[in-house]
PDB file of all heavy atoms in Angstrom:
ATOM      1  N   ILE A   1       5.873   4.152  -7.119  1.00  0.00           N
ATOM      2  CA  ILE A   1       5.091   3.329  -8.051  1.00  0.00           C
ATOM      3  C   ILE A   1       3.676   3.892  -8.196  1.00  0.00           C
ATOM      4  O   ILE A   1       3.141   3.985  -9.308  1.00  0.00           O
ATOM      5  CB  ILE A   1       5.051   1.869  -7.566  1.00  0.00           C
ATOM      6  CG1 ILE A   1       6.441   1.239  -7.683  1.00  0.00           C
ATOM      7  CG2 ILE A   1       4.017   1.051  -8.346  1.00  0.00           C
ATOM      8  CD1 ILE A   1       6.557  -0.154  -7.104  1.00  0.00           C
ATOM      9  N   LEU A   2       3.073   4.291  -7.096  1.00  0.00           N
ATOM     10  CA  LEU A   2       1.721   4.853  -7.116  1.00  0.00           C
ATOM     11  C   LEU A   2       1.667   6.096  -7.998  1.00  0.00           C
ATOM     12  O   LEU A   2       0.693   6.312  -8.723  1.00  0.00           O
ATOM     13  CB  LEU A   2       1.287   5.181  -5.693  1.00  0.00           C
ATOM     14  CG  LEU A   2      -0.167   5.613  -5.478  1.00  0.00           C
ATOM     15  CD1 LEU A   2      -1.128   4.472  -5.821  1.00  0.00           C
ATOM     16  CD2 LEU A   2      -0.367   6.057  -4.027  1.00  0.00           C
ATOM     17  N   ASP A   3       2.708   6.902  -7.954  1.00  0.00           N
ATOM     18  CA  ASP A   3       2.743   8.142  -8.734  1.00  0.00           C
ATOM     19  C   ASP A   3       2.873   7.897 -10.232  1.00  0.00           C
ATOM     20  O   ASP A   3       2.633   8.812 -11.035  1.00  0.00           O
ATOM     21  CB  ASP A   3       3.905   9.025  -8.268  1.00  0.00           C
ATOM     22  CG  ASP A   3       3.639   9.675  -6.912  1.00  0.00           C
ATOM     23  OD1 ASP A   3       2.473   9.662  -6.468  1.00  0.00           O
ATOM     24  OD2 ASP A   3       4.601  10.174  -6.292  1.00  0.00           O
ATOM     25  N   THR A   4       3.242   6.692 -10.632  1.00  0.00           N
ATOM     26  CA  THR A   4       3.364   6.398 -12.066  1.00  0.00           C
ATOM     27  C   THR A   4       2.022   6.047 -12.700  1.00  0.00           C
ATOM     28  O   THR A   4       1.941   5.924 -13.925  1.00  0.00           O
ATOM     29  CB  THR A   4       4.336   5.230 -12.306  1.00  0.00           C
ATOM     30  OG1 THR A   4       3.798   4.016 -11.749  1.00  0.00           O
ATOM     31  CG2 THR A   4       5.699   5.506 -11.692  1.00  0.00           C
ATOM     32  N   ILE A   5       0.989   5.877 -11.904  1.00  0.00           N
ATOM     33  CA  ILE A   5      -0.329   5.507 -12.435  1.00  0.00           C
ATOM     34  C   ILE A   5      -1.014   6.741 -13.009  1.00  0.00           C
ATOM     35  O   ILE A   5      -1.207   7.737 -12.298  1.00  0.00           O
ATOM     36  CB  ILE A   5      -1.197   4.866 -11.342  1.00  0.00           C
ATOM     37  CG1 ILE A   5      -0.561   3.543 -10.879  1.00  0.00           C
ATOM     38  CG2 ILE A   5      -2.625   4.648 -11.824  1.00  0.00           C
ATOM     39  CD1 ILE A   5      -1.282   2.867  -9.743  1.00  0.00           C
ATOM     40  N   PRO A   6      -1.379   6.713 -14.291  1.00  0.00           N
ATOM     41  CA  PRO A   6      -1.984   7.888 -14.926  1.00  0.00           C
ATOM     42  C   PRO A   6      -3.470   8.027 -14.583  1.00  0.00           C
ATOM     43  O   PRO A   6      -4.098   7.092 -14.083  1.00  0.00           O
ATOM     44  CB  PRO A   6      -1.792   7.604 -16.414  1.00  0.00           C
ATOM     45  CG  PRO A   6      -1.827   6.105 -16.508  1.00  0.00           C
ATOM     46  CD  PRO A   6      -1.191   5.595 -15.233  1.00  0.00           C
ATOM     47  N   GLU A   7      -4.025   9.199 -14.873  1.00  0.00           N
ATOM     48  CA  GLU A   7      -5.456   9.432 -14.626  1.00  0.00           C
ATOM     49  C   GLU A   7      -6.324   8.559 -15.512  1.00  0.00           C
ATOM     50  O   GLU A   7      -7.423   8.161 -15.131  1.00  0.00           O
ATOM     51  CB  GLU A   7      -5.791  10.910 -14.866  1.00  0.00           C
ATOM     52  CG  GLU A   7      -5.269  11.852 -13.808  1.00  0.00           C
ATOM     53  CD  GLU A   7      -5.803  13.255 -13.991  1.00  0.00           C
ATOM     54  OE1 GLU A   7      -6.966  13.404 -14.424  1.00  0.00           O
ATOM     55  OE2 GLU A   7      -5.070  14.213 -13.709  1.00  0.00           O
ATOM     56  N   SER A   8      -5.854   8.282 -16.725  1.00  0.00           N
ATOM     57  CA  SER A   8      -6.604   7.448 -17.660  1.00  0.00           C
ATOM     58  C   SER A   8      -5.614   6.696 -18.540  1.00  0.00           C
ATOM     59  O   SER A   8      -4.407   6.929 -18.472  1.00  0.00           O
ATOM     60  CB  SER A   8      -7.533   8.314 -18.522  1.00  0.00           C
ATOM     61  OG  SER A   8      -6.780   9.283 -19.239  1.00  0.00           O
ATOM     62  N   GLY A   9      -6.152   5.800 -19.342  1.00  0.00           N
ATOM     63  CA  GLY A   9      -5.280   5.027 -20.219  1.00  0.00           C
ATOM     64  C   GLY A   9      -4.922   3.680 -19.625  1.00  0.00           C
ATOM     65  O   GLY A   9      -5.491   3.242 -18.621  1.00  0.00           O
ATOM     66  N   HIS A  10      -3.965   3.031 -20.274  1.00  0.00           N
ATOM     67  CA  HIS A  10      -3.610   1.658 -19.898  1.00  0.00           C
ATOM     68  C   HIS A  10      -3.036   1.603 -18.485  1.00  0.00           C
ATOM     69  O   HIS A  10      -2.208   2.429 -18.097  1.00  0.00           O
ATOM     70  CB  HIS A  10      -2.591   1.094 -20.879  1.00  0.00           C
ATOM     71  CG  HIS A  10      -2.110  -0.277 -20.528  1.00  0.00           C
ATOM     72  ND1 HIS A  10      -2.942  -1.381 -20.518  1.00  0.00           N
ATOM     73  CD2 HIS A  10      -0.869  -0.723 -20.162  1.00  0.00           C
ATOM     74  CE1 HIS A  10      -2.240  -2.452 -20.153  1.00  0.00           C
ATOM     75  NE2 HIS A  10      -0.988  -2.076 -19.947  1.00  0.00           N
ATOM     76  N   LEU A  11      -3.496   0.622 -17.728  1.00  0.00           N
ATOM     77  CA  LEU A  11      -2.995   0.394 -16.372  1.00  0.00           C
ATOM     78  C   LEU A  11      -2.849  -1.109 -16.161  1.00  0.00           C
ATOM     79  O   LEU A  11      -3.846  -1.830 -16.064  1.00  0.00           O
ATOM     80  CB  LEU A  11      -3.952   0.983 -15.333  1.00  0.00           C
ATOM     81  CG  LEU A  11      -3.613   0.723 -13.854  1.00  0.00           C
ATOM     82  CD1 LEU A  11      -2.214   1.224 -13.531  1.00  0.00           C
ATOM     83  CD2 LEU A  11      -4.644   1.373 -12.942  1.00  0.00           C
ATOM     84  N   PRO A  12      -1.633  -1.621 -16.082  1.00  0.00           N
ATOM     85  CA  PRO A  12      -1.426  -3.065 -15.893  1.00  0.00           C
ATOM     86  C   PRO A  12      -2.043  -3.553 -14.587  1.00  0.00           C
ATOM     87  O   PRO A  12      -1.907  -2.913 -13.544  1.00  0.00           O
ATOM     88  CB  PRO A  12       0.100  -3.200 -15.864  1.00  0.00           C
ATOM     89  CG  PRO A  12       0.618  -1.959 -16.522  1.00  0.00           C
ATOM     90  CD  PRO A  12      -0.357  -0.882 -16.190  1.00  0.00           C
ATOM     91  N   ASP A  13      -2.718  -4.684 -14.658  1.00  0.00           N
ATOM     92  CA  ASP A  13      -3.318  -5.267 -13.457  1.00  0.00           C
ATOM     93  C   ASP A  13      -2.266  -5.521 -12.391  1.00  0.00           C
ATOM     94  O   ASP A  13      -2.534  -5.383 -11.190  1.00  0.00           O
ATOM     95  CB  ASP A  13      -4.013  -6.595 -13.804  1.00  0.00           C
ATOM     96  CG  ASP A  13      -5.270  -6.393 -14.629  1.00  0.00           C
ATOM     97  OD1 ASP A  13      -5.804  -5.263 -14.639  1.00  0.00           O
ATOM     98  OD2 ASP A  13      -5.710  -7.362 -15.269  1.00  0.00           O
ATOM     99  N   GLU A  14      -1.052  -5.909 -12.832  1.00  0.00           N
ATOM    100  CA  GLU A  14       0.002  -6.243 -11.885  1.00  0.00           C
ATOM    101  C   GLU A  14       0.366  -5.058 -10.990  1.00  0.00           C
ATOM    102  O   GLU A  14       0.662  -5.230  -9.810  1.00  0.00           O
ATOM    103  CB  GLU A  14       1.263  -6.719 -12.630  1.00  0.00           C
ATOM    104  CG  GLU A  14       1.099  -8.047 -13.346  1.00  0.00           C
ATOM    105  CD  GLU A  14       0.476  -7.903 -14.721  1.00  0.00           C
ATOM    106  OE1 GLU A  14       0.117  -6.744 -15.089  1.00  0.00           O
ATOM    107  OE2 GLU A  14       0.342  -8.922 -15.427  1.00  0.00           O
ATOM    108  N   LYS A  15       0.317  -3.862 -11.552  1.00  0.00           N
ATOM    109  CA  LYS A  15       0.651  -2.677 -10.764  1.00  0.00           C
ATOM    110  C   LYS A  15      -0.442  -2.380  -9.743  1.00  0.00           C
ATOM    111  O   LYS A  15      -0.161  -1.992  -8.601  1.00  0.00           O
ATOM    112  CB  LYS A  15       0.860  -1.475 -11.688  1.00  0.00           C
ATOM    113  CG  LYS A  15       1.416  -0.244 -10.978  1.00  0.00           C
ATOM    114  CD  LYS A  15       1.827   0.846 -11.954  1.00  0.00           C
ATOM    115  CE  LYS A  15       3.083   0.497 -12.708  1.00  0.00           C
ATOM    116  NZ  LYS A  15       3.597   1.651 -13.499  1.00  0.00           N
ATOM    117  N   VAL A  16      -1.690  -2.597 -10.132  1.00  0.00           N
ATOM    118  CA  VAL A  16      -2.812  -2.412  -9.203  1.00  0.00           C
ATOM    119  C   VAL A  16      -2.701  -3.407  -8.050  1.00  0.00           C
ATOM    120  O   VAL A  16      -2.875  -3.055  -6.876  1.00  0.00           O
ATOM    121  CB  VAL A  16      -4.161  -2.580  -9.925  1.00  0.00           C
ATOM    122  CG1 VAL A  16      -5.326  -2.454  -8.934  1.00  0.00           C
ATOM    123  CG2 VAL A  16      -4.303  -1.540 -11.028  1.00  0.00           C
ATOM    124  N   HIS A  17      -2.402  -4.661  -8.385  1.00  0.00           N
ATOM    125  CA  HIS A  17      -2.283  -5.695  -7.352  1.00  0.00           C
ATOM    126  C   HIS A  17      -1.158  -5.380  -6.378  1.00  0.00           C
ATOM    127  O   HIS A  17      -1.283  -5.622  -5.173  1.00  0.00           O
ATOM    128  CB  HIS A  17      -2.051  -7.070  -8.004  1.00  0.00           C
ATOM    129  CG  HIS A  17      -3.213  -7.544  -8.811  1.00  0.00           C
ATOM    130  ND1 HIS A  17      -3.101  -8.464  -9.818  1.00  0.00           N
ATOM    131  CD2 HIS A  17      -4.524  -7.197  -8.761  1.00  0.00           C
ATOM    132  CE1 HIS A  17      -4.284  -8.681 -10.361  1.00  0.00           C
ATOM    133  NE2 HIS A  17      -5.167  -7.928  -9.734  1.00  0.00           N
ATOM    134  N   TYR A  18      -0.048  -4.849  -6.893  1.00  0.00           N
ATOM    135  CA  TYR A  18       1.052  -4.462  -6.009  1.00  0.00           C
ATOM    136  C   TYR A  18       0.578  -3.410  -5.010  1.00  0.00           C
ATOM    137  O   TYR A  18       0.835  -3.516  -3.801  1.00  0.00           O
ATOM    138  CB  TYR A  18       2.226  -3.919  -6.823  1.00  0.00           C
ATOM    139  CG  TYR A  18       3.374  -3.420  -5.953  1.00  0.00           C
ATOM    140  CD1 TYR A  18       4.396  -4.282  -5.563  1.00  0.00           C
ATOM    141  CD2 TYR A  18       3.430  -2.105  -5.506  1.00  0.00           C
ATOM    142  CE1 TYR A  18       5.438  -3.851  -4.757  1.00  0.00           C
ATOM    143  CE2 TYR A  18       4.466  -1.652  -4.698  1.00  0.00           C
ATOM    144  CZ  TYR A  18       5.465  -2.530  -4.328  1.00  0.00           C
ATOM    145  OH  TYR A  18       6.486  -2.096  -3.506  1.00  0.00           O
ATOM    146  N   CYS A  19      -0.131  -2.404  -5.489  1.00  0.00           N
ATOM    147  CA  CYS A  19      -0.609  -1.335  -4.613  1.00  0.00           C
ATOM    148  C   CYS A  19      -1.606  -1.859  -3.589  1.00  0.00           C
ATOM    149  O   CYS A  19      -1.586  -1.459  -2.419  1.00  0.00           O
ATOM    150  CB  CYS A  19      -1.236  -0.217  -5.449  1.00  0.00           C
ATOM    151  SG  CYS A  19      -0.041   0.678  -6.480  1.00  0.00           S
ATOM    152  N   GLU A  20      -2.479  -2.784  -4.010  1.00  0.00           N
ATOM    153  CA  GLU A  20      -3.446  -3.376  -3.079  1.00  0.00           C
ATOM    154  C   GLU A  20      -2.735  -4.167  -1.993  1.00  0.00           C
ATOM    155  O   GLU A  20      -3.072  -4.065  -0.809  1.00  0.00           O
ATOM    156  CB  GLU A  20      -4.411  -4.282  -3.852  1.00  0.00           C
ATOM    157  CG  GLU A  20      -5.366  -3.531  -4.769  1.00  0.00           C
ATOM    158  CD  GLU A  20      -6.121  -4.466  -5.701  1.00  0.00           C
ATOM    159  OE1 GLU A  20      -5.779  -5.672  -5.768  1.00  0.00           O
ATOM    160  OE2 GLU A  20      -7.057  -3.989  -6.371  1.00  0.00           O
ATOM    161  N   ARG A  21      -1.757  -4.960  -2.395  1.00  0.00           N
ATOM    162  CA  ARG A  21      -1.040  -5.781  -1.419  1.00  0.00           C
ATOM    163  C   ARG A  21      -0.211  -4.916  -0.476  1.00  0.00           C
ATOM    164  O   ARG A  21      -0.060  -5.245   0.704  1.00  0.00           O
ATOM    165  CB  ARG A  21      -0.140  -6.782  -2.137  1.00  0.00           C
ATOM    166  CG  ARG A  21      -0.901  -7.930  -2.801  1.00  0.00           C
ATOM    167  CD  ARG A  21      -1.639  -8.753  -1.769  1.00  0.00           C
ATOM    168  NE  ARG A  21      -2.071 -10.037  -2.313  1.00  0.00           N
ATOM    169  CZ  ARG A  21      -2.633 -11.001  -1.616  1.00  0.00           C
ATOM    170  NH1 ARG A  21      -2.846 -10.829  -0.312  1.00  0.00           N
ATOM    171  NH2 ARG A  21      -2.997 -12.131  -2.175  1.00  0.00           N
ATOM    172  N   PHE A  22       0.318  -3.816  -0.988  1.00  0.00           N
ATOM    173  CA  PHE A  22       1.080  -2.938  -0.121  1.00  0.00           C
ATOM    174  C   PHE A  22       0.169  -2.331   0.939  1.00  0.00           C
ATOM    175  O   PHE A  22       0.532  -2.270   2.122  1.00  0.00           O
ATOM    176  CB  PHE A  22       1.768  -1.824  -0.913  1.00  0.00           C
ATOM    177  CG  PHE A  22       2.694  -1.009  -0.065  1.00  0.00           C
ATOM    178  CD1 PHE A  22       4.013  -1.400   0.107  1.00  0.00           C
ATOM    179  CD2 PHE A  22       2.246   0.116   0.600  1.00  0.00           C
ATOM    180  CE1 PHE A  22       4.867  -0.674   0.923  1.00  0.00           C
ATOM    181  CE2 PHE A  22       3.093   0.848   1.416  1.00  0.00           C
ATOM    182  CZ  PHE A  22       4.405   0.452   1.577  1.00  0.00           C
ATOM    183  N   LEU A  23      -0.999  -1.895   0.531  1.00  0.00           N
ATOM    184  CA  LEU A  23      -1.923  -1.312   1.502  1.00  0.00           C
ATOM    185  C   LEU A  23      -2.377  -2.357   2.514  1.00  0.00           C
ATOM    186  O   LEU A  23      -2.598  -2.043   3.688  1.00  0.00           O
ATOM    187  CB  LEU A  23      -3.128  -0.708   0.770  1.00  0.00           C
ATOM    188  CG  LEU A  23      -3.939   0.308   1.559  1.00  0.00           C
ATOM    189  CD1 LEU A  23      -3.085   1.446   2.062  1.00  0.00           C
ATOM    190  CD2 LEU A  23      -5.085   0.855   0.720  1.00  0.00           C
ATOM    191  N   GLU A  24      -2.496  -3.593   2.068  1.00  0.00           N
ATOM    192  CA  GLU A  24      -2.823  -4.689   2.986  1.00  0.00           C
ATOM    193  C   GLU A  24      -1.732  -4.862   4.035  1.00  0.00           C
ATOM    194  O   GLU A  24      -2.014  -5.059   5.225  1.00  0.00           O
ATOM    195  CB  GLU A  24      -3.002  -5.981   2.185  1.00  0.00           C
ATOM    196  CG  GLU A  24      -3.438  -7.182   2.993  1.00  0.00           C
ATOM    197  CD  GLU A  24      -3.644  -8.399   2.118  1.00  0.00           C
ATOM    198  OE1 GLU A  24      -4.424  -8.302   1.145  1.00  0.00           O
ATOM    199  OE2 GLU A  24      -3.009  -9.441   2.387  1.00  0.00           O
ATOM    200  N   LEU A  25      -0.469  -4.768   3.601  1.00  0.00           N
ATOM    201  CA  LEU A  25       0.655  -4.851   4.538  1.00  0.00           C
ATOM    202  C   LEU A  25       0.598  -3.708   5.549  1.00  0.00           C
ATOM    203  O   LEU A  25       0.742  -3.925   6.759  1.00  0.00           O
ATOM    204  CB  LEU A  25       1.973  -4.796   3.758  1.00  0.00           C
ATOM    205  CG  LEU A  25       3.256  -4.626   4.578  1.00  0.00           C
ATOM    206  CD1 LEU A  25       3.477  -5.821   5.497  1.00  0.00           C
ATOM    207  CD2 LEU A  25       4.465  -4.429   3.657  1.00  0.00           C
ATOM    208  N   ILE A  26       0.374  -2.501   5.071  1.00  0.00           N
ATOM    209  CA  ILE A  26       0.318  -1.344   5.957  1.00  0.00           C
ATOM    210  C   ILE A  26      -0.828  -1.480   6.955  1.00  0.00           C
ATOM    211  O   ILE A  26      -0.683  -1.193   8.150  1.00  0.00           O
ATOM    212  CB  ILE A  26       0.149  -0.047   5.136  1.00  0.00           C
ATOM    213  CG1 ILE A  26       1.365   0.187   4.237  1.00  0.00           C
ATOM    214  CG2 ILE A  26      -0.079   1.154   6.053  1.00  0.00           C
ATOM    215  CD1 ILE A  26       2.670   0.300   4.980  1.00  0.00           C
ATOM    216  N   THR A  27      -1.967  -1.920   6.470  1.00  0.00           N
ATOM    217  CA  THR A  27      -3.133  -2.111   7.339  1.00  0.00           C
ATOM    218  C   THR A  27      -2.831  -3.104   8.451  1.00  0.00           C
ATOM    219  O   THR A  27      -3.172  -2.880   9.615  1.00  0.00           O
ATOM    220  CB  THR A  27      -4.339  -2.603   6.512  1.00  0.00           C
ATOM    221  OG1 THR A  27      -4.638  -1.648   5.505  1.00  0.00           O
ATOM    222  CG2 THR A  27      -5.565  -2.790   7.391  1.00  0.00           C
ATOM    223  N   ASP A  28      -2.180  -4.210   8.099  1.00  0.00           N
ATOM    224  CA  ASP A  28      -1.866  -5.225   9.101  1.00  0.00           C
ATOM    225  C   ASP A  28      -0.817  -4.725  10.095  1.00  0.00           C
ATOM    226  O   ASP A  28      -0.875  -5.051  11.289  1.00  0.00           O
ATOM    227  CB  ASP A  28      -1.381  -6.509   8.417  1.00  0.00           C
ATOM    228  CG  ASP A  28      -2.515  -7.273   7.761  1.00  0.00           C
ATOM    229  OD1 ASP A  28      -3.693  -6.876   7.932  1.00  0.00           O
ATOM    230  OD2 ASP A  28      -2.243  -8.262   7.056  1.00  0.00           O
ATOM    231  N   LEU A  29       0.137  -3.944   9.629  1.00  0.00           N
ATOM    232  CA  LEU A  29       1.131  -3.374  10.542  1.00  0.00           C
ATOM    233  C   LEU A  29       0.480  -2.414  11.535  1.00  0.00           C
ATOM    234  O   LEU A  29       0.888  -2.321  12.697  1.00  0.00           O
ATOM    235  CB  LEU A  29       2.212  -2.629   9.754  1.00  0.00           C
ATOM    236  CG  LEU A  29       3.217  -3.491   8.987  1.00  0.00           C
ATOM    237  CD1 LEU A  29       4.123  -2.620   8.131  1.00  0.00           C
ATOM    238  CD2 LEU A  29       4.049  -4.329   9.942  1.00  0.00           C
ATOM    239  N   GLU A  30      -0.546  -1.727  11.088  1.00  0.00           N
ATOM    240  CA  GLU A  30      -1.244  -0.777  11.946  1.00  0.00           C
ATOM    241  C   GLU A  30      -2.251  -1.451  12.874  1.00  0.00           C
ATOM    242  O   GLU A  30      -2.687  -0.853  13.856  1.00  0.00           O
ATOM    243  CB  GLU A  30      -1.984   0.247  11.084  1.00  0.00           C
ATOM    244  CG  GLU A  30      -1.085   1.298  10.463  1.00  0.00           C
ATOM    245  CD  GLU A  30      -0.773   2.406  11.449  1.00  0.00           C
ATOM    246  OE1 GLU A  30      -1.577   3.335  11.570  1.00  0.00           O
ATOM    247  OE2 GLU A  30       0.267   2.314  12.126  1.00  0.00           O
ATOM    248  N   ALA A  31      -2.594  -2.694  12.567  1.00  0.00           N
ATOM    249  CA  ALA A  31      -3.678  -3.357  13.294  1.00  0.00           C
ATOM    250  C   ALA A  31      -3.267  -3.850  14.678  1.00  0.00           C
ATOM    251  O   ALA A  31      -4.117  -4.009  15.554  1.00  0.00           O
ATOM    252  CB  ALA A  31      -4.217  -4.530  12.465  1.00  0.00           C
ATOM    253  N   LEU A  32      -1.980  -4.124  14.869  1.00  0.00           N
ATOM    254  CA  LEU A  32      -1.523  -4.717  16.128  1.00  0.00           C
ATOM    255  C   LEU A  32      -0.532  -3.796  16.824  1.00  0.00           C
ATOM    256  O   LEU A  32       0.352  -3.217  16.183  1.00  0.00           O
ATOM    257  CB  LEU A  32      -0.870  -6.076  15.863  1.00  0.00           C
ATOM    258  CG  LEU A  32      -1.783  -7.153  15.266  1.00  0.00           C
ATOM    259  CD1 LEU A  32      -0.963  -8.380  14.894  1.00  0.00           C
ATOM    260  CD2 LEU A  32      -2.888  -7.523  16.234  1.00  0.00           C
ATOM    261  N   LEU A  33      -0.663  -3.699  18.133  1.00  0.00           N
ATOM    262  CA  LEU A  33       0.198  -2.803  18.902  1.00  0.00           C
ATOM    263  C   LEU A  33       1.689  -3.106  18.760  1.00  0.00           C
ATOM    264  O   LEU A  33       2.489  -2.175  18.630  1.00  0.00           O
ATOM    265  CB  LEU A  33      -0.208  -2.829  20.380  1.00  0.00           C
ATOM    266  CG  LEU A  33       0.558  -1.882  21.307  1.00  0.00           C
ATOM    267  CD1 LEU A  33       0.425  -0.438  20.847  1.00  0.00           C
ATOM    268  CD2 LEU A  33       0.079  -2.040  22.749  1.00  0.00           C
ATOM    269  N   PRO A  34       2.139  -4.366  18.775  1.00  0.00           N
ATOM    270  CA  PRO A  34       3.584  -4.620  18.669  1.00  0.00           C
ATOM    271  C   PRO A  34       4.219  -4.032  17.412  1.00  0.00           C
ATOM    272  O   PRO A  34       5.387  -3.656  17.428  1.00  0.00           O
ATOM    273  CB  PRO A  34       3.667  -6.154  18.667  1.00  0.00           C
ATOM    274  CG  PRO A  34       2.444  -6.600  19.387  1.00  0.00           C
ATOM    275  CD  PRO A  34       1.381  -5.618  18.995  1.00  0.00           C
ATOM    276  N   THR A  35       3.478  -3.977  16.327  1.00  0.00           N
ATOM    277  CA  THR A  35       4.024  -3.400  15.097  1.00  0.00           C
ATOM    278  C   THR A  35       3.615  -1.940  14.924  1.00  0.00           C
ATOM    279  O   THR A  35       4.334  -1.166  14.305  1.00  0.00           O
ATOM    280  CB  THR A  35       3.566  -4.205  13.866  1.00  0.00           C
ATOM    281  OG1 THR A  35       2.128  -4.312  13.864  1.00  0.00           O
ATOM    282  CG2 THR A  35       4.171  -5.592  13.868  1.00  0.00           C
ATOM    283  N   ARG A  36       2.485  -1.551  15.482  1.00  0.00           N
ATOM    284  CA  ARG A  36       1.949  -0.199  15.277  1.00  0.00           C
ATOM    285  C   ARG A  36       2.677   0.859  16.099  1.00  0.00           C
ATOM    286  O   ARG A  36       2.817   2.000  15.660  1.00  0.00           O
ATOM    287  CB  ARG A  36       0.457  -0.182  15.636  1.00  0.00           C
ATOM    288  CG  ARG A  36      -0.213   1.163  15.433  1.00  0.00           C
ATOM    289  CD  ARG A  36      -1.688   1.099  15.738  1.00  0.00           C
ATOM    290  NE  ARG A  36      -1.972   0.962  17.150  1.00  0.00           N
ATOM    291  CZ  ARG A  36      -2.722   0.000  17.683  1.00  0.00           C
ATOM    292  NH1 ARG A  36      -3.218  -0.940  16.920  1.00  0.00           N
ATOM    293  NH2 ARG A  36      -2.952  -0.024  18.985  1.00  0.00           N
ATOM    294  N   ARG A  37       3.140   0.503  17.288  1.00  0.00           N
ATOM    295  CA  ARG A  37       3.577   1.496  18.279  1.00  0.00           C
ATOM    296  C   ARG A  37       4.536   2.527  17.682  1.00  0.00           C
ATOM    297  O   ARG A  37       4.362   3.729  17.863  1.00  0.00           O
ATOM    298  CB  ARG A  37       4.234   0.790  19.467  1.00  0.00           C
ATOM    299  CG  ARG A  37       4.768   1.763  20.510  1.00  0.00           C
ATOM    300  CD  ARG A  37       5.421   1.050  21.669  1.00  0.00           C
ATOM    301  NE  ARG A  37       4.444   0.546  22.626  1.00  0.00           N
ATOM    302  CZ  ARG A  37       4.273  -0.728  22.935  1.00  0.00           C
ATOM    303  NH1 ARG A  37       5.011  -1.644  22.333  1.00  0.00           N
ATOM    304  NH2 ARG A  37       3.384  -1.106  23.831  1.00  0.00           N
ATOM    305  N   PHE A  38       5.561   2.093  16.941  1.00  0.00           N
ATOM    306  CA  PHE A  38       6.541   3.022  16.390  1.00  0.00           C
ATOM    307  C   PHE A  38       6.365   3.225  14.885  1.00  0.00           C
ATOM    308  O   PHE A  38       6.703   4.291  14.363  1.00  0.00           O
ATOM    309  CB  PHE A  38       7.957   2.534  16.698  1.00  0.00           C
ATOM    310  CG  PHE A  38       8.191   2.342  18.177  1.00  0.00           C
ATOM    311  CD1 PHE A  38       8.413   1.083  18.708  1.00  0.00           C
ATOM    312  CD2 PHE A  38       8.152   3.431  19.041  1.00  0.00           C
ATOM    313  CE1 PHE A  38       8.604   0.908  20.073  1.00  0.00           C
ATOM    314  CE2 PHE A  38       8.339   3.263  20.407  1.00  0.00           C
ATOM    315  CZ  PHE A  38       8.561   1.998  20.924  1.00  0.00           C
ATOM    316  N   PHE A  39       5.820   2.213  14.238  1.00  0.00           N
ATOM    317  CA  PHE A  39       5.598   2.332  12.797  1.00  0.00           C
ATOM    318  C   PHE A  39       4.607   3.437  12.474  1.00  0.00           C
ATOM    319  O   PHE A  39       4.749   4.154  11.482  1.00  0.00           O
ATOM    320  CB  PHE A  39       5.101   0.992  12.237  1.00  0.00           C
ATOM    321  CG  PHE A  39       4.666   1.075  10.799  1.00  0.00           C
ATOM    322  CD1 PHE A  39       5.622   1.169   9.784  1.00  0.00           C
ATOM    323  CD2 PHE A  39       3.320   1.076  10.464  1.00  0.00           C
ATOM    324  CE1 PHE A  39       5.229   1.255   8.464  1.00  0.00           C
ATOM    325  CE2 PHE A  39       2.924   1.166   9.142  1.00  0.00           C
ATOM    326  CZ  PHE A  39       3.881   1.253   8.138  1.00  0.00           C
ATOM    327  N   ASN A  40       3.592   3.585  13.307  1.00  0.00           N
ATOM    328  CA  ASN A  40       2.539   4.560  13.067  1.00  0.00           C
ATOM    329  C   ASN A  40       3.101   5.962  12.837  1.00  0.00           C
ATOM    330  O   ASN A  40       2.660   6.694  11.941  1.00  0.00           O
ATOM    331  CB  ASN A  40       1.570   4.558  14.252  1.00  0.00           C
ATOM    332  CG  ASN A  40       0.361   5.429  14.023  1.00  0.00           C
ATOM    333  OD1 ASN A  40       0.442   6.641  14.203  1.00  0.00           O
ATOM    334  ND2 ASN A  40      -0.742   4.832  13.642  1.00  0.00           N
ATOM    335  N   THR A  41       4.087   6.336  13.634  1.00  0.00           N
ATOM    336  CA  THR A  41       4.667   7.672  13.534  1.00  0.00           C
ATOM    337  C   THR A  41       5.433   7.848  12.228  1.00  0.00           C
ATOM    338  O   THR A  41       5.371   8.902  11.595  1.00  0.00           O
ATOM    339  CB  THR A  41       5.605   7.930  14.730  1.00  0.00           C
ATOM    340  OG1 THR A  41       4.898   7.665  15.946  1.00  0.00           O
ATOM    341  CG2 THR A  41       6.085   9.363  14.749  1.00  0.00           C
ATOM    342  N   VAL A  42       6.168   6.813  11.820  1.00  0.00           N
ATOM    343  CA  VAL A  42       6.895   6.874  10.555  1.00  0.00           C
ATOM    344  C   VAL A  42       5.912   6.948   9.387  1.00  0.00           C
ATOM    345  O   VAL A  42       6.131   7.693   8.419  1.00  0.00           O
ATOM    346  CB  VAL A  42       7.832   5.656  10.410  1.00  0.00           C
ATOM    347  CG1 VAL A  42       8.562   5.689   9.067  1.00  0.00           C
ATOM    348  CG2 VAL A  42       8.838   5.626  11.554  1.00  0.00           C
TER     349      VAL A  42
END
């Protein structure tokens, strides 16, 4: 999905929000040892 975003031109807000929320999920998975220990390597 990230690769479909062009350098310029129309960009739907919904696609930006998806990417933001995904990064939020990744950040939270990395924040705690129980989820980070093996996820980090993947």
